[in-house]
Amino acid sequence: MDSKTIQILIAMVIYMAAVIAIGIIYAKRANKSSDNYFLGGRSLGPWVTAMSAEASDMSGWLLMGLPGLAYWCGLADAAWTAIGLALGTYLNWLIVSKRLRRYSVRANNSITLPDFFSNRFREKNKVIMTIAALFILIFFTVYAASCFVTCGKLFAQLFGLPYIAMMIVGAIFVLLYTILGGFLAESASDFMQGIVMIIALVVIVTIGTISAGGFGAIIENSKSIPGFVEFFGLANPTTVDGTQQVVNGAPQFGEKLPYGLLSICSMMAWGLGYFGMPQVLLRFMAIRDEKELKPSRRIAMVWVVISLAVAVFIGIMGRTLFPVAHLTQSGAENIFITLATSSLPAILAGFVMAGILAATISSSDSYLLIAASAVAKNIFGGVIHKKANDKQIMLVTRITLLVIALVAMIIALDENSVIFKIVSFAWAGFGATFGPIMLFSLFWKRTTRAGAIAGMLSGGGMVFLWKLVISKLGGVFAIYELLPAFIFSAICIVVVSLLTKQPSKEIEEDFEAVKAGE
């Protein structure tokens, strides 16, 4: 290990020590009760709410997956995805946040998403709670796997060590940190990590642009690649067995691929996912005062727009500076690391690398914690052992965290995994399972318990069916599975709700009270 690598490692160790310190500081408060551990006692301020929501949402794919997508096939896919995400973020904060904060209190002070859905419909046998908890467990395990892949790629690229060993080291660190501090520690560290992430992005794009000869030079060079910097065309790398071909030192591309309305709708559909994303929705529930959601929304949007735009441009810029550094789609996700280690002094590169670690930690701790809460609080405490005390729930939580982490590590064993693809499947799962029922629960009084169950089962099931079967037909069926699954779920909610008995008077009174702001 040379001196530069040692300096990078030192900087990252300093960062990791700061994260652990936050966990220790909040551990005592978090472990007072399961309510504090899972939702922080609804005590988050606007800055922490905004930054932790977005940092936990964006994860390592913001610094690796999205730039890697732009590096591999150009602007269109990455840009339309970013636009969809920005719109989805804004609409989620605008129309969902306030009513969910208010409704979660009214619905028996719900502290998890399955809690909210179950209490919203005043169910006694906890069917909604169980279904919601199981879907959370499935999709967050996949999500956690994407974060562990990020850790493995980061450390393997930096230190030249085996991917699997580095992935396991990263997973263990995240697991220990999550067990230690709970939601408060997670949210506080996410605030810091959100700052680190955006600084890392801005630093790299600034230095890289200067090194490339300016913005104009980057665009001019990119135009030489067919479809690379077009919104309605897609670059087409010439590959053999998944590896891009190089002739006379230049990466080879075929004729640009068409990029029509269907492709645009497919990528922008990412924005629909926000309505069902537990790690974001929980922040809405946890803010100390609904009046603080407006400034929090503004903070979140500034962060999101800057981060997404810069991440996409880093991928475009990477092709100019390092055109043949990464010749597979999986390898392309390392372009941010390549830019940082090549253009910055070692110690600064280490702190920028901490930005990737920040993104990974801020997401994976959220995913692990929410998945564990679904099992411990909702299935164990809500269905299996209704008289379970806080000590028993916390024990089950920690056991569940360990099991989820082990399964996620198994999923992440393949070092050729593409982070963007793993995230896209889990994102679709949450968006289609919880997005429609969240909107109908908050805004349609006629929604019934049966409609809610039908919506979750049909949305989550359609994601698997469309991804694994229907999309293989190609053509119009190759659209991102979130869009058809979201629409199908919404239709099922409406049809089943209209065919079943109207909600009880108490449920309708709850709805009207929340609507009136009581």
Protein backbone atom coordinates (compact mmCIF):
# COMPACT_ATOMS: atom_id res chain seq x y z
CA MET A 1 0.00 0.00 0.00
CA ASP A 2 1.66 3.24 -1.16
CA SER A 3 1.67 6.59 0.67
CA LYS A 4 -1.22 8.00 -1.38
CA THR A 5 -3.44 5.04 -0.56
CA ILE A 6 -2.50 5.33 3.12
CA GLN A 7 -3.50 9.02 3.14
CA ILE A 8 -6.84 8.17 1.53
CA LEU A 9 -7.40 5.48 4.13
CA ILE A 10 -6.57 7.86 7.00
CA ALA A 11 -9.09 10.43 5.74
CA MET A 12 -11.79 7.79 5.47
CA VAL A 13 -11.01 6.42 8.95
CA ILE A 14 -11.39 9.94 10.38
CA TYR A 15 -14.78 10.20 8.71
CA MET A 16 -15.90 6.78 9.91
CA ALA A 17 -14.82 7.69 13.46
CA ALA A 18 -17.05 10.79 13.31
CA VAL A 19 -20.00 8.66 12.21
CA ILE A 20 -19.43 6.20 15.06
CA ALA A 21 -19.18 9.11 17.53
CA ILE A 22 -22.64 10.28 16.43
CA GLY A 23 -23.98 6.80 17.03
CA ILE A 24 -22.53 6.71 20.54
CA ILE A 25 -23.91 10.15 21.38
CA TYR A 26 -27.44 9.18 20.38
CA ALA A 27 -27.35 5.55 21.55
CA LYS A 28 -28.55 6.24 25.11
CA ARG A 29 -31.47 8.38 23.97
CA ALA A 30 -32.40 6.03 21.15
CA ASN A 31 -32.55 2.98 23.39
CA LYS A 32 -34.93 4.50 25.94
CA SER A 33 -37.85 3.02 24.01
CA SER A 34 -38.73 1.43 20.69
CA ASP A 35 -40.59 4.64 19.75
CA ASN A 36 -37.36 6.62 20.13
CA TYR A 37 -35.35 3.93 18.36
CA PHE A 38 -37.64 3.74 15.32
CA LEU A 39 -38.90 7.34 14.93
CA GLY A 40 -36.82 9.51 17.27
CA GLY A 41 -39.81 10.71 19.26
CA ARG A 42 -40.94 12.98 16.39
CA SER A 43 -38.20 15.46 17.23
CA LEU A 44 -36.48 16.24 13.91
CA GLY A 45 -35.99 19.86 12.85
CA PRO A 46 -36.40 21.08 9.25
CA TRP A 47 -32.72 20.88 8.27
CA VAL A 48 -32.19 17.36 9.61
CA THR A 49 -35.54 16.22 8.16
CA ALA A 50 -34.66 17.50 4.69
CA MET A 51 -31.04 16.41 4.53
CA SER A 52 -31.59 13.00 6.12
CA ALA A 53 -34.57 12.28 3.87
CA GLU A 54 -32.60 13.01 0.71
CA ALA A 55 -29.30 11.47 1.82
CA SER A 56 -30.99 8.22 2.86
CA ASP A 57 -32.97 8.27 -0.39
CA MET A 58 -30.17 8.89 -2.88
CA SER A 59 -27.68 6.31 -1.53
CA GLY A 60 -24.49 5.22 -3.27
CA TRP A 61 -26.17 5.14 -6.66
CA LEU A 62 -26.08 8.98 -6.71
CA LEU A 63 -22.27 8.97 -6.70
CA MET A 64 -21.70 5.71 -8.56
CA GLY A 65 -24.84 4.40 -10.27
CA LEU A 66 -26.08 7.61 -11.91
CA PRO A 67 -22.65 8.86 -13.11
CA GLY A 68 -21.95 5.32 -14.32
CA LEU A 69 -25.16 5.31 -16.38
CA ALA A 70 -24.23 8.65 -18.00
CA TYR A 71 -20.64 7.49 -18.64
CA TRP A 72 -21.82 4.29 -20.31
CA CYS A 73 -24.60 5.43 -22.64
CA GLY A 74 -24.74 9.22 -22.42
CA LEU A 75 -27.14 11.88 -21.28
CA ALA A 76 -30.66 10.65 -22.07
CA ASP A 77 -31.28 7.81 -19.60
CA ALA A 78 -29.52 9.56 -16.73
CA ALA A 79 -31.04 12.99 -17.38
CA TRP A 80 -34.65 11.83 -17.73
CA THR A 81 -34.24 9.73 -14.60
CA ALA A 82 -32.92 12.78 -12.73
CA ILE A 83 -35.79 14.96 -13.99
CA GLY A 84 -38.34 12.36 -12.88
CA LEU A 85 -36.71 12.10 -9.47
CA ALA A 86 -36.64 15.86 -8.97
CA LEU A 87 -40.33 16.19 -9.88
CA GLY A 88 -41.25 13.24 -7.68
CA THR A 89 -39.33 14.71 -4.76
CA TYR A 90 -41.11 18.05 -5.06
CA LEU A 91 -44.61 16.57 -5.36
CA ASN A 92 -44.02 14.20 -2.46
CA TRP A 93 -42.97 17.06 -0.16
CA LEU A 94 -45.76 19.29 -1.47
CA ILE A 95 -48.80 17.04 -1.27
CA VAL A 96 -47.92 14.09 0.98
CA SER A 97 -45.69 15.35 3.77
CA LYS A 98 -48.07 17.55 5.79
CA ARG A 99 -51.08 15.26 5.61
CA LEU A 100 -49.03 12.17 6.44
CA ARG A 101 -47.46 13.89 9.47
CA ARG A 102 -50.93 14.85 10.70
CA TYR A 103 -52.60 11.53 9.84
CA SER A 104 -49.86 9.38 11.43
CA VAL A 105 -50.51 11.12 14.76
CA ARG A 106 -54.28 10.77 14.39
CA ALA A 107 -53.91 7.08 13.47
CA ASN A 108 -52.96 6.02 16.98
CA ASN A 109 -49.58 7.80 16.85
CA SER A 110 -48.18 5.41 14.21
CA ILE A 111 -44.39 5.15 14.17
CA THR A 112 -43.83 2.85 11.18
CA LEU A 113 -45.41 2.68 7.73
CA PRO A 114 -47.16 -0.67 8.36
CA ASP A 115 -48.44 0.83 11.64
CA PHE A 116 -49.91 3.77 9.76
CA PHE A 117 -51.70 1.72 7.11
CA SER A 118 -53.08 -0.68 9.71
CA ASN A 119 -54.24 2.07 12.07
CA ARG A 120 -55.60 4.18 9.21
CA PHE A 121 -58.13 1.43 8.47
CA ARG A 122 -58.61 0.50 12.16
CA GLU A 123 -57.98 -3.16 11.44
CA LYS A 124 -58.00 -5.70 14.26
CA ASN A 125 -56.41 -8.75 12.67
CA LYS A 126 -53.39 -6.83 11.28
CA VAL A 127 -53.50 -8.21 7.74
CA ILE A 128 -52.44 -4.89 6.18
CA MET A 129 -49.66 -4.56 8.73
CA THR A 130 -48.30 -8.02 7.96
CA ILE A 131 -48.42 -7.58 4.17
CA ALA A 132 -46.75 -4.17 4.36
CA ALA A 133 -44.05 -5.47 6.71
CA LEU A 134 -43.26 -8.44 4.46
CA PHE A 135 -42.92 -6.27 1.34
CA ILE A 136 -40.67 -3.88 3.26
CA LEU A 137 -38.52 -6.79 4.36
CA ILE A 138 -38.17 -8.13 0.81
CA PHE A 139 -37.42 -4.89 -1.00
CA PHE A 140 -35.19 -3.35 1.67
CA THR A 141 -33.06 -6.49 1.73
CA VAL A 142 -32.48 -5.96 -2.00
CA TYR A 143 -31.81 -2.26 -1.37
CA ALA A 144 -29.28 -3.05 1.38
CA ALA A 145 -27.55 -5.39 -1.07
CA SER A 146 -27.06 -2.49 -3.51
CA CYS A 147 -25.38 -0.51 -0.74
CA PHE A 148 -23.06 -3.38 0.10
CA VAL A 149 -22.13 -3.67 -3.59
CA THR A 150 -21.19 0.02 -3.44
CA CYS A 151 -18.97 -0.58 -0.40
CA GLY A 152 -17.29 -3.52 -2.08
CA LYS A 153 -16.62 -1.66 -5.33
CA LEU A 154 -15.34 1.41 -3.48
CA PHE A 155 -12.82 -0.38 -1.30
CA ALA A 156 -11.75 -2.87 -3.98
CA GLN A 157 -11.09 -0.04 -6.46
CA LEU A 158 -9.24 2.10 -3.92
CA PHE A 159 -7.09 -0.47 -2.20
CA GLY A 160 -6.79 -3.24 -4.78
CA LEU A 161 -8.19 -5.79 -2.34
CA PRO A 162 -10.68 -8.60 -3.09
CA TYR A 163 -14.22 -7.34 -3.71
CA ILE A 164 -16.00 -9.87 -1.50
CA ALA A 165 -13.78 -9.21 1.53
CA MET A 166 -14.25 -5.46 1.16
CA MET A 167 -18.01 -5.81 0.72
CA ILE A 168 -18.25 -7.82 3.94
CA VAL A 169 -16.14 -5.27 5.86
CA GLY A 170 -18.41 -2.44 4.71
CA ALA A 171 -21.55 -4.41 5.57
CA ILE A 172 -20.31 -5.18 9.08
CA PHE A 173 -19.52 -1.51 9.73
CA VAL A 174 -23.00 -0.42 8.62
CA LEU A 175 -24.65 -3.17 10.66
CA LEU A 176 -22.82 -2.26 13.87
CA TYR A 177 -23.59 1.40 13.41
CA THR A 178 -27.31 0.78 12.84
CA ILE A 179 -27.59 -1.49 15.87
CA LEU A 180 -25.90 1.15 18.01
CA GLY A 181 -27.89 4.32 17.45
CA GLY A 182 -31.26 3.80 15.78
CA PHE A 183 -33.29 6.46 13.98
CA LEU A 184 -31.89 9.54 15.75
CA ALA A 185 -28.28 8.61 15.12
CA GLU A 186 -29.18 7.64 11.56
CA SER A 187 -30.90 10.99 10.91
CA ALA A 188 -28.16 13.07 12.53
CA SER A 189 -25.41 11.30 10.61
CA ASP A 190 -27.47 11.53 7.42
CA PHE A 191 -27.52 15.30 7.86
CA MET A 192 -23.73 15.34 7.96
CA GLN A 193 -23.50 12.84 5.12
CA GLY A 194 -25.82 14.89 2.94
CA ILE A 195 -23.41 17.81 3.30
CA VAL A 196 -20.40 15.58 2.54
CA MET A 197 -22.11 14.13 -0.54
CA ILE A 198 -22.94 17.46 -2.16
CA ILE A 199 -19.49 18.91 -1.38
CA ALA A 200 -17.86 15.83 -2.92
CA LEU A 201 -19.95 16.17 -6.09
CA VAL A 202 -19.28 19.90 -6.51
CA VAL A 203 -15.53 19.54 -5.85
CA ILE A 204 -15.12 16.76 -8.41
CA VAL A 205 -17.18 18.45 -11.13
CA THR A 206 -15.31 21.75 -10.65
CA ILE A 207 -11.82 20.27 -10.79
CA GLY A 208 -12.75 17.87 -13.57
CA THR A 209 -14.21 20.64 -15.73
CA ILE A 210 -11.04 22.68 -15.33
CA SER A 211 -8.87 19.65 -16.18
CA ALA A 212 -10.94 18.96 -19.31
CA GLY A 213 -10.48 22.51 -20.60
CA GLY A 214 -13.86 23.88 -19.58
CA PHE A 215 -17.53 23.07 -20.03
CA GLY A 216 -17.46 23.81 -23.75
CA ALA A 217 -14.59 21.40 -24.37
CA ILE A 218 -16.45 18.61 -22.58
CA ILE A 219 -19.61 19.13 -24.63
CA GLU A 220 -17.66 19.42 -27.87
CA ASN A 221 -15.81 16.17 -27.21
CA SER A 222 -19.03 14.42 -26.19
CA LYS A 223 -20.73 15.41 -29.44
CA SER A 224 -18.24 13.23 -31.31
CA ILE A 225 -20.00 10.20 -29.80
CA PRO A 226 -23.31 9.53 -31.61
CA GLY A 227 -26.24 10.26 -29.30
CA PHE A 228 -24.08 10.84 -26.23
CA VAL A 229 -25.33 14.31 -25.30
CA GLU A 230 -28.84 14.15 -26.70
CA PHE A 231 -32.13 14.07 -24.82
CA PHE A 232 -33.81 12.13 -27.63
CA GLY A 233 -31.00 9.75 -28.61
CA LEU A 234 -28.89 7.18 -26.78
CA ALA A 235 -25.23 6.28 -27.22
CA ASN A 236 -24.63 2.67 -28.18
CA PRO A 237 -21.30 1.22 -26.93
CA THR A 238 -19.92 -1.48 -29.22
CA THR A 239 -19.37 -4.50 -26.97
CA VAL A 240 -18.15 -8.06 -27.19
CA ASP A 241 -19.19 -10.25 -24.26
CA GLY A 242 -20.17 -7.11 -22.35
CA THR A 243 -16.82 -5.34 -22.84
CA GLN A 244 -16.63 -2.19 -24.93
CA GLN A 245 -14.20 -2.40 -27.83
CA VAL A 246 -11.26 0.00 -28.18
CA VAL A 247 -9.54 0.86 -31.49
CA ASN A 248 -6.41 3.04 -31.54
CA GLY A 249 -7.07 4.11 -27.98
CA ALA A 250 -10.65 5.24 -28.66
CA PRO A 251 -13.81 3.57 -27.29
CA GLN A 252 -16.07 2.32 -30.05
CA PHE A 253 -19.74 3.25 -30.43
CA GLY A 254 -22.34 2.17 -32.97
CA GLU A 255 -25.08 4.33 -34.43
CA LYS A 256 -27.17 6.12 -31.81
CA LEU A 257 -30.29 4.39 -30.60
CA PRO A 258 -33.71 6.08 -30.87
CA TYR A 259 -35.11 7.56 -27.68
CA GLY A 260 -38.82 8.23 -27.90
CA LEU A 261 -41.74 9.04 -25.64
CA LEU A 262 -41.95 5.52 -24.23
CA SER A 263 -38.32 5.66 -23.07
CA ILE A 264 -38.86 9.10 -21.53
CA CYS A 265 -41.97 7.95 -19.65
CA SER A 266 -40.09 4.86 -18.48
CA MET A 267 -37.25 6.87 -16.92
CA MET A 268 -39.41 9.67 -15.55
CA ALA A 269 -41.57 7.05 -13.85
CA TRP A 270 -38.82 6.90 -11.24
CA GLY A 271 -40.51 9.95 -9.70
CA LEU A 272 -43.60 7.88 -8.83
CA GLY A 273 -41.48 5.86 -6.46
CA TYR A 274 -41.29 8.65 -3.90
CA PHE A 275 -44.91 8.28 -2.86
CA GLY A 276 -44.11 4.84 -1.48
CA MET A 277 -40.54 5.24 -0.23
CA PRO A 278 -40.48 4.38 3.52
CA GLN A 279 -37.15 6.06 4.32
CA VAL A 280 -38.52 9.40 3.03
CA LEU A 281 -42.07 9.03 4.36
CA LEU A 282 -40.76 8.29 7.85
CA ARG A 283 -39.01 11.67 7.89
CA PHE A 284 -42.33 13.36 7.21
CA MET A 285 -43.78 11.48 10.17
CA ALA A 286 -40.80 12.31 12.41
CA ILE A 287 -40.60 16.10 11.99
CA ARG A 288 -41.44 17.90 15.24
CA ASP A 289 -43.94 20.35 13.72
CA GLU A 290 -45.81 20.16 10.41
CA LYS A 291 -45.28 23.91 9.95
CA GLU A 292 -41.58 23.19 9.47
CA LEU A 293 -42.24 21.03 6.42
CA LYS A 294 -42.31 24.03 4.06
CA PRO A 295 -38.76 25.26 4.79
CA SER A 296 -37.67 21.63 4.89
CA ARG A 297 -39.08 21.12 1.39
CA ARG A 298 -37.08 24.08 0.07
CA ILE A 299 -33.86 22.77 1.60
CA ALA A 300 -34.50 19.30 0.17
CA MET A 301 -35.19 20.58 -3.34
CA VAL A 302 -32.04 22.69 -3.53
CA TRP A 303 -29.98 19.68 -2.45
CA VAL A 304 -31.72 17.31 -4.86
CA VAL A 305 -31.52 19.49 -7.98
CA ILE A 306 -27.84 20.34 -7.48
CA SER A 307 -26.85 16.76 -6.62
CA LEU A 308 -28.69 15.11 -9.51
CA ALA A 309 -27.49 17.60 -12.11
CA VAL A 310 -23.88 17.36 -10.99
CA ALA A 311 -23.96 13.54 -10.78
CA VAL A 312 -25.17 13.26 -14.39
CA PHE A 313 -22.56 15.74 -15.62
CA ILE A 314 -19.78 13.85 -13.84
CA GLY A 315 -20.57 10.82 -15.99
CA ILE A 316 -20.47 12.91 -19.18
CA MET A 317 -17.24 14.58 -18.07
CA GLY A 318 -15.70 11.23 -17.21
CA ARG A 319 -15.90 10.09 -20.84
CA THR A 320 -13.84 13.10 -21.90
CA LEU A 321 -11.13 12.69 -19.26
CA PHE A 322 -10.98 8.88 -19.06
CA PRO A 323 -12.58 7.53 -22.26
CA VAL A 324 -11.32 3.94 -21.91
CA ALA A 325 -10.86 3.63 -18.14
CA HIS A 326 -14.03 1.57 -17.72
CA LEU A 327 -15.12 -0.77 -20.48
CA THR A 328 -18.04 -2.61 -18.85
CA GLN A 329 -21.34 -1.23 -17.56
CA SER A 330 -20.52 -2.45 -14.07
CA GLY A 331 -17.04 -0.91 -14.20
CA ALA A 332 -18.45 2.40 -15.46
CA GLU A 333 -19.91 2.94 -11.98
CA ASN A 334 -16.36 3.52 -10.71
CA ILE A 335 -15.88 6.71 -12.75
CA PHE A 336 -16.45 8.96 -9.73
CA ILE A 337 -13.68 7.12 -7.86
CA THR A 338 -11.34 7.40 -10.85
CA LEU A 339 -11.94 11.15 -11.13
CA ALA A 340 -11.40 11.74 -7.42
CA THR A 341 -8.21 9.72 -7.04
CA SER A 342 -6.70 11.13 -10.25
CA SER A 343 -7.42 14.82 -9.78
CA LEU A 344 -7.17 15.46 -6.04
CA PRO A 345 -4.40 15.34 -3.43
CA ALA A 346 -4.58 12.05 -1.56
CA ILE A 347 -5.96 13.39 1.70
CA LEU A 348 -8.72 15.34 -0.12
CA ALA A 349 -9.48 12.34 -2.30
CA GLY A 350 -9.96 10.37 0.90
CA PHE A 351 -12.58 12.80 2.15
CA VAL A 352 -14.30 12.77 -1.24
CA MET A 353 -14.31 8.97 -1.12
CA ALA A 354 -15.95 9.40 2.26
CA GLY A 355 -18.75 11.01 0.25
CA ILE A 356 -19.46 7.65 -1.37
CA LEU A 357 -19.20 5.96 2.00
CA ALA A 358 -21.54 8.64 3.36
CA ALA A 359 -24.10 7.94 0.68
CA THR A 360 -23.91 4.22 1.31
CA ILE A 361 -24.13 4.44 5.09
CA SER A 362 -26.94 6.99 5.04
CA SER A 363 -29.05 4.66 2.93
CA SER A 364 -28.16 1.22 4.20
CA ASP A 365 -28.71 2.13 7.85
CA SER A 366 -32.17 3.44 6.90
CA TYR A 367 -32.97 0.31 4.92
CA LEU A 368 -31.80 -2.06 7.64
CA LEU A 369 -33.57 -0.16 10.42
CA ILE A 370 -36.92 0.12 8.60
CA ALA A 371 -36.83 -3.53 7.54
CA ALA A 372 -36.00 -4.61 11.09
CA SER A 373 -38.77 -2.44 12.52
CA ALA A 374 -41.23 -4.07 10.12
CA VAL A 375 -40.38 -7.49 11.52
CA ALA A 376 -39.88 -6.63 15.20
CA LYS A 377 -42.47 -3.91 15.75
CA ASN A 378 -45.13 -4.94 13.27
CA ILE A 379 -44.94 -8.72 12.80
CA PHE A 380 -43.50 -9.80 16.15
CA GLY A 381 -45.00 -7.09 18.37
CA GLY A 382 -48.15 -6.50 16.34
CA VAL A 383 -49.15 -10.01 15.30
CA ILE A 384 -47.15 -12.83 16.92
CA HIS A 385 -46.66 -11.52 20.46
CA LYS A 386 -48.96 -8.56 21.04
CA LYS A 387 -47.91 -8.24 24.69
CA ALA A 388 -44.20 -7.99 23.86
CA ASN A 389 -42.38 -5.34 25.87
CA ASP A 390 -39.82 -2.87 24.55
CA LYS A 391 -36.88 -5.04 25.64
CA GLN A 392 -38.18 -8.00 23.66
CA ILE A 393 -38.91 -5.87 20.59
CA MET A 394 -35.42 -4.37 20.67
CA LEU A 395 -33.87 -7.86 20.92
CA VAL A 396 -35.88 -9.11 17.94
CA THR A 397 -34.88 -5.94 16.06
CA ARG A 398 -31.18 -6.64 16.49
CA ILE A 399 -31.54 -10.30 15.53
CA THR A 400 -33.51 -9.26 12.44
CA LEU A 401 -30.86 -6.70 11.50
CA LEU A 402 -28.25 -9.45 11.53
CA VAL A 403 -30.33 -11.82 9.40
CA ILE A 404 -31.23 -9.13 6.84
CA ALA A 405 -27.60 -8.06 6.56
CA LEU A 406 -26.49 -11.67 5.96
CA VAL A 407 -29.07 -12.17 3.19
CA ALA A 408 -28.14 -8.82 1.62
CA MET A 409 -24.46 -9.82 1.66
CA ILE A 410 -25.30 -13.05 -0.17
CA ILE A 411 -27.17 -11.05 -2.85
CA ALA A 412 -24.17 -8.69 -3.12
CA LEU A 413 -21.56 -11.43 -3.67
CA ASP A 414 -21.47 -10.86 -7.44
CA GLU A 415 -18.93 -8.09 -8.05
CA ASN A 416 -20.31 -7.57 -11.57
CA SER A 417 -23.63 -6.39 -10.15
CA VAL A 418 -24.80 -3.07 -11.58
CA ILE A 419 -25.86 -0.83 -8.69
CA PHE A 420 -28.34 1.12 -10.83
CA LYS A 421 -30.20 -2.06 -11.84
CA ILE A 422 -30.45 -3.40 -8.29
CA VAL A 423 -31.76 -0.07 -7.01
CA SER A 424 -34.25 0.27 -9.87
CA PHE A 425 -35.97 -3.01 -8.97
CA ALA A 426 -36.27 -2.23 -5.25
CA TRP A 427 -37.40 1.32 -6.06
CA ALA A 428 -40.15 -0.04 -8.31
CA GLY A 429 -41.19 -2.44 -5.59
CA PHE A 430 -41.71 0.26 -2.99
CA GLY A 431 -43.24 2.73 -5.41
CA ALA A 432 -45.87 0.30 -6.69
CA THR A 433 -46.59 -1.43 -3.38
CA PHE A 434 -46.99 1.66 -1.18
CA GLY A 435 -47.25 4.69 -3.48
CA PRO A 436 -50.84 4.27 -4.71
CA ILE A 437 -52.24 3.20 -1.34
CA MET A 438 -50.44 6.10 0.37
CA LEU A 439 -52.07 8.62 -1.98
CA PHE A 440 -55.52 7.02 -1.76
CA SER A 441 -55.28 6.66 2.03
CA LEU A 442 -54.50 10.34 2.41
CA PHE A 443 -56.84 11.79 -0.22
CA TRP A 444 -59.77 9.44 -0.94
CA LYS A 445 -62.21 8.85 1.93
CA ARG A 446 -63.92 5.96 0.13
CA THR A 447 -60.77 3.80 0.21
CA THR A 448 -61.52 0.57 2.05
CA ARG A 449 -59.38 -1.91 3.91
CA ALA A 450 -59.99 -4.50 1.18
CA GLY A 451 -58.97 -1.94 -1.43
CA ALA A 452 -55.74 -1.26 0.47
CA ILE A 453 -54.89 -4.96 0.62
CA ALA A 454 -55.67 -5.40 -3.08
CA GLY A 455 -53.55 -2.38 -3.96
CA MET A 456 -50.46 -3.56 -2.09
CA LEU A 457 -50.64 -7.15 -3.33
CA SER A 458 -51.33 -6.19 -6.94
CA GLY A 459 -48.65 -3.47 -7.03
CA GLY A 460 -45.90 -5.53 -5.42
CA GLY A 461 -46.85 -8.65 -7.37
CA MET A 462 -46.95 -6.82 -10.70
CA VAL A 463 -43.39 -5.54 -10.19
CA PHE A 464 -42.14 -9.13 -10.08
CA LEU A 465 -44.40 -10.29 -12.93
CA TRP A 466 -43.50 -7.39 -15.22
CA LYS A 467 -39.77 -7.50 -14.49
CA LEU A 468 -39.32 -11.26 -14.72
CA VAL A 469 -41.88 -12.19 -17.40
CA ILE A 470 -43.69 -9.45 -19.31
CA SER A 471 -40.66 -7.20 -19.96
CA LYS A 472 -38.98 -10.09 -21.80
CA LEU A 473 -41.48 -9.57 -24.63
CA GLY A 474 -39.66 -6.35 -25.52
CA GLY A 475 -41.05 -3.34 -27.35
CA VAL A 476 -43.64 -1.43 -25.36
CA PHE A 477 -43.45 -4.12 -22.66
CA ALA A 478 -39.83 -3.21 -21.91
CA ILE A 479 -41.01 -0.10 -20.05
CA TYR A 480 -39.79 0.33 -16.47
CA GLU A 481 -41.91 -1.98 -14.29
CA LEU A 482 -42.81 0.77 -11.81
CA LEU A 483 -45.16 2.55 -14.21
CA PRO A 484 -47.49 -0.35 -15.15
CA ALA A 485 -47.40 -1.75 -11.61
CA PHE A 486 -48.28 1.67 -10.10
CA ILE A 487 -51.22 2.08 -12.52
CA PHE A 488 -52.44 -1.48 -11.92
CA SER A 489 -52.30 -1.00 -8.15
CA ALA A 490 -54.29 2.25 -8.37
CA ILE A 491 -56.97 0.57 -10.52
CA CYS A 492 -57.26 -2.32 -8.07
CA ILE A 493 -57.66 0.04 -5.12
CA VAL A 494 -60.48 1.95 -6.81
CA VAL A 495 -62.34 -1.10 -8.13
CA VAL A 496 -62.13 -3.16 -4.92
CA SER A 497 -62.99 -0.16 -2.73
CA LEU A 498 -66.12 0.56 -4.78
CA LEU A 499 -67.16 -3.09 -4.69
CA THR A 500 -66.78 -3.42 -0.91
CA LYS A 501 -68.59 -1.93 2.03
CA GLN A 502 -68.06 1.79 2.72
CA PRO A 503 -65.55 2.56 5.53
CA SER A 504 -66.93 2.84 9.05
CA LYS A 505 -68.09 6.13 10.52
CA GLU A 506 -64.99 6.27 12.76
CA ILE A 507 -62.62 5.88 9.80
CA GLU A 508 -64.42 8.61 7.86
CA GLU A 509 -64.34 10.90 10.90
CA ASP A 510 -60.57 10.40 11.15
CA PHE A 511 -60.22 11.29 7.47
CA GLU A 512 -62.31 14.46 7.77
CA ALA A 513 -60.47 15.56 10.92
CA VAL A 514 -57.10 15.21 9.18
CA LYS A 515 -58.41 16.98 6.09
CA ALA A 516 -59.63 19.88 8.26
CA GLY A 517 -56.25 20.13 9.98
CA GLU A 518 -57.39 18.92 13.39
